[in-house]
Amino acid sequence: MPRPKESFESRMKKLRLKTGLSLKQLANETGYSSEYLKKIEKGQVIPPVSAIIQIAKAFSVESGTFLSADQQKASEEQRRKSFLVRTEAYAYQTLTPGAETKHLKAFLVTVDPRKEHMGVDYHHEGEEFIYVLEGKVEMMVGEEKNVLTKGQSLHFNSAISHKLRNLGDKPARFIAVIYTP
C-alpha cells in the first residue's frame, strides 16, 4: 500500500501541537498511555487502525485524515466481526437494522441473576450508553463502580476498560447503545 507523503506520526504530532493538547491530555481522551502515544509520535510504534480511529476522534477529525482506503475498509470489517461476536455469544437482541456495518448500534441485553456479563470486560473505541429496564446492575468503568437500577443510565468512553454484572436475583435487562467510529 503506498504511504502518504507525510507519515502518520508526523501528522499526529503536528495536529496535537496545533490543537495545544499535551500527550497527557491526549492520553486521557484516547485511553492510551502518554508513553505509548509518545512512541507513536517518534515512529517507534505503528498503531493499529483502532488506535488511529481513537486518536482521530480525540482531535475531532475524520479518521480518513489518517487512514488510507484499505485501512478504512479493514476497520469496517473489524466492526462487522465485533458485531457478530457480540450478538452470537451473549444475550443480545439487535435493535438496529443492518447494525453490523453501522457506527451506532442498539441492543436489548439480558444478564442472568447474579452473573457477570462475560463479554463486557474489555475496552474498544467509541462510546456506550446503558439504560436499565429491569433489575440491578453493576457497571465498572475503569476503577469507577456504578450501580444502576430501573430507569437509570450511564454514558461512558468505551476505550476505558469496562465490565458488567447483574447484582439481583432476577434477570437484568437493559438497552445498550454503542457508537464505534
Protein backbone atom coordinates (compact mmCIF):
# COMPACT_ATOMS: atom_id res chain seq x y z
CA MET A 1 0.00 0.00 0.00
CA PRO A 2 1.51 3.37 -0.93
CA ARG A 3 2.45 5.55 2.02
CA PRO A 4 1.13 9.09 2.21
CA LYS A 5 3.69 11.84 1.58
CA GLU A 6 3.64 12.70 5.28
CA SER A 7 3.79 9.91 7.87
CA PHE A 8 1.00 9.27 10.36
CA GLU A 9 3.27 10.05 13.30
CA SER A 10 4.24 13.41 11.78
CA ARG A 11 0.62 14.34 11.04
CA MET A 12 -0.43 13.27 14.53
CA LYS A 13 2.25 15.35 16.25
CA LYS A 14 1.53 18.42 14.10
CA LEU A 15 -2.19 18.16 14.88
CA ARG A 16 -1.52 17.68 18.59
CA LEU A 17 0.74 20.72 18.73
CA LYS A 18 -1.67 22.79 16.62
CA THR A 19 -4.57 21.97 18.96
CA GLY A 20 -2.42 22.58 22.04
CA LEU A 21 -3.01 19.13 23.53
CA SER A 22 -0.30 17.67 25.73
CA LEU A 23 0.47 13.96 25.49
CA LYS A 24 -1.19 13.51 28.89
CA GLN A 25 -4.38 15.25 27.69
CA LEU A 26 -4.38 13.13 24.53
CA ALA A 27 -3.91 10.03 26.70
CA ASN A 28 -6.99 10.98 28.74
CA GLU A 29 -9.01 11.46 25.56
CA THR A 30 -7.95 8.21 23.90
CA GLY A 31 -7.44 5.74 26.74
CA TYR A 32 -3.84 5.10 25.60
CA SER A 33 -0.88 5.94 27.83
CA SER A 34 1.10 9.09 27.15
CA GLU A 35 4.20 6.87 26.86
CA TYR A 36 2.53 4.83 24.09
CA LEU A 37 1.44 8.00 22.27
CA LYS A 38 4.97 9.40 22.56
CA LYS A 39 6.32 6.21 20.95
CA ILE A 40 3.82 6.62 18.10
CA GLU A 41 4.94 10.21 17.51
CA LYS A 42 8.59 9.09 17.45
CA GLY A 43 7.79 6.36 14.93
CA GLN A 44 8.82 3.64 17.39
CA VAL A 45 5.36 2.02 17.34
CA ILE A 46 2.95 1.58 14.46
CA PRO A 47 -0.53 1.88 15.95
CA PRO A 48 -3.37 -0.43 14.93
CA VAL A 49 -6.26 1.03 12.97
CA SER A 50 -8.41 1.11 16.11
CA ALA A 51 -5.86 3.38 17.84
CA ILE A 52 -5.72 5.66 14.80
CA ILE A 53 -9.51 5.97 14.85
CA GLN A 54 -9.48 6.77 18.58
CA ILE A 55 -6.75 9.40 18.08
CA ALA A 56 -8.69 11.00 15.21
CA LYS A 57 -11.78 11.14 17.43
CA ALA A 58 -9.78 12.90 20.16
CA PHE A 59 -8.79 15.56 17.62
CA SER A 60 -12.38 15.77 16.30
CA VAL A 61 -11.23 14.96 12.78
CA GLU A 62 -12.41 12.28 10.35
CA SER A 63 -10.38 9.09 10.64
CA GLY A 64 -9.79 9.40 6.90
CA THR A 65 -7.38 12.21 7.80
CA PHE A 66 -5.05 9.43 8.92
CA LEU A 67 -6.33 6.25 7.23
CA SER A 68 -5.90 5.00 3.69
CA ALA A 69 -8.90 3.49 1.87
CA ASP A 70 -7.56 -0.03 2.63
CA GLN A 71 -7.29 0.77 6.34
CA GLN A 72 -10.82 2.21 6.38
CA LYS A 73 -12.11 -0.99 4.75
CA ALA A 74 -10.27 -3.10 7.35
CA SER A 75 -11.84 -1.01 10.12
CA GLU A 76 -15.33 -1.63 8.70
CA GLU A 77 -14.60 -5.38 8.55
CA GLN A 78 -13.48 -5.32 12.19
CA ARG A 79 -16.77 -3.59 13.15
CA ARG A 80 -18.68 -6.32 11.32
CA LYS A 81 -16.77 -9.12 13.12
CA SER A 82 -17.17 -7.45 16.52
CA PHE A 83 -20.91 -7.13 15.94
CA LEU A 84 -21.26 -10.84 15.06
CA VAL A 85 -19.27 -11.97 18.12
CA ARG A 86 -21.33 -9.73 20.38
CA THR A 87 -24.69 -10.96 19.11
CA GLU A 88 -23.79 -14.66 18.83
CA ALA A 89 -22.00 -15.13 22.15
CA TYR A 90 -24.24 -13.16 24.52
CA ALA A 91 -27.90 -12.47 25.27
CA TYR A 92 -28.10 -9.54 22.84
CA GLN A 93 -31.11 -8.75 20.72
CA THR A 94 -30.26 -6.34 17.92
CA LEU A 95 -32.50 -3.30 17.78
CA THR A 96 -30.71 -1.64 14.83
CA PRO A 97 -31.47 -2.97 11.32
CA GLY A 98 -28.23 -3.62 9.39
CA ALA A 99 -26.21 -2.92 12.54
CA GLU A 100 -23.15 -4.95 11.58
CA THR A 101 -21.87 -2.13 9.36
CA LYS A 102 -23.27 0.85 11.27
CA HIS A 103 -21.33 3.11 13.61
CA LEU A 104 -24.27 3.37 16.03
CA LYS A 105 -25.91 0.18 17.26
CA ALA A 106 -28.61 -0.51 19.85
CA PHE A 107 -29.15 -3.80 21.69
CA LEU A 108 -31.55 -5.23 24.24
CA VAL A 109 -29.29 -7.13 26.68
CA THR A 110 -30.31 -9.71 29.26
CA VAL A 111 -27.94 -10.91 32.01
CA ASP A 112 -28.91 -13.84 34.23
CA PRO A 113 -29.31 -13.34 38.00
CA ARG A 114 -26.08 -12.91 39.99
CA LYS A 115 -23.98 -13.37 36.84
CA GLU A 116 -21.20 -11.37 35.27
CA HIS A 117 -21.78 -10.41 31.68
CA MET A 118 -18.79 -12.31 30.34
CA GLY A 119 -18.45 -10.29 27.15
CA VAL A 120 -18.06 -6.96 28.86
CA ASP A 121 -14.59 -6.97 30.39
CA TYR A 122 -12.70 -5.14 27.72
CA HIS A 123 -12.27 -1.81 26.02
CA HIS A 124 -12.85 -0.66 22.47
CA GLU A 125 -13.01 2.64 20.67
CA GLY A 126 -16.18 4.61 20.87
CA GLU A 127 -18.86 5.39 23.41
CA GLU A 128 -21.60 3.43 25.17
CA PHE A 129 -24.90 4.36 26.72
CA ILE A 130 -26.66 1.92 29.06
CA TYR A 131 -30.31 2.33 30.17
CA VAL A 132 -31.65 -0.20 32.72
CA LEU A 133 -35.15 -1.54 32.05
CA GLU A 134 -35.28 -4.18 34.81
CA GLY A 135 -33.01 -5.31 37.61
CA LYS A 136 -29.89 -4.01 39.30
CA VAL A 137 -26.53 -3.98 37.52
CA GLU A 138 -23.02 -3.00 38.49
CA MET A 139 -21.05 -1.35 35.69
CA MET A 140 -17.32 -0.96 36.34
CA VAL A 141 -15.74 1.67 34.11
CA GLY A 142 -12.03 1.70 34.88
CA GLU A 143 -11.87 1.89 38.69
CA GLU A 144 -15.29 3.54 38.98
CA LYS A 145 -18.15 1.35 40.23
CA ASN A 146 -21.62 2.39 39.02
CA VAL A 147 -24.72 0.65 40.41
CA LEU A 148 -27.77 1.18 38.23
CA THR A 149 -31.41 0.23 38.75
CA LYS A 150 -34.57 0.54 36.65
CA GLY A 151 -34.74 3.90 34.89
CA GLN A 152 -31.09 4.81 35.48
CA SER A 153 -28.49 5.26 32.78
CA LEU A 154 -24.77 5.63 32.22
CA HIS A 155 -22.83 7.14 29.32
CA PHE A 156 -19.08 6.44 29.10
CA ASN A 157 -15.99 6.32 26.91
CA SER A 158 -15.75 2.65 25.93
CA ALA A 159 -11.98 2.96 25.37
CA ILE A 160 -11.80 2.67 29.17
CA SER A 161 -11.83 -0.94 30.38
CA HIS A 162 -15.34 -1.88 31.49
CA LYS A 163 -17.35 -4.85 32.74
CA LEU A 164 -20.85 -5.50 33.96
CA ARG A 165 -22.64 -7.87 36.33
CA ASN A 166 -26.18 -8.48 37.50
CA LEU A 167 -26.47 -7.85 41.26
CA GLY A 168 -30.07 -9.05 41.55
CA ASP A 169 -31.96 -12.32 41.95
CA LYS A 170 -33.87 -11.79 38.69
CA PRO A 171 -32.63 -11.32 35.12
CA ALA A 172 -31.44 -7.78 34.40
CA ARG A 173 -32.47 -6.19 31.11
CA PHE A 174 -31.08 -3.02 29.65
CA ILE A 175 -30.67 -1.14 26.42
CA ALA A 176 -27.07 -0.74 25.29
CA VAL A 177 -26.33 1.84 22.61
CA ILE A 178 -22.81 1.57 21.22
CA TYR A 179 -21.06 4.04 18.95
CA THR A 180 -17.85 3.00 17.22
CA PRO A 181 -16.05 5.41 14.88
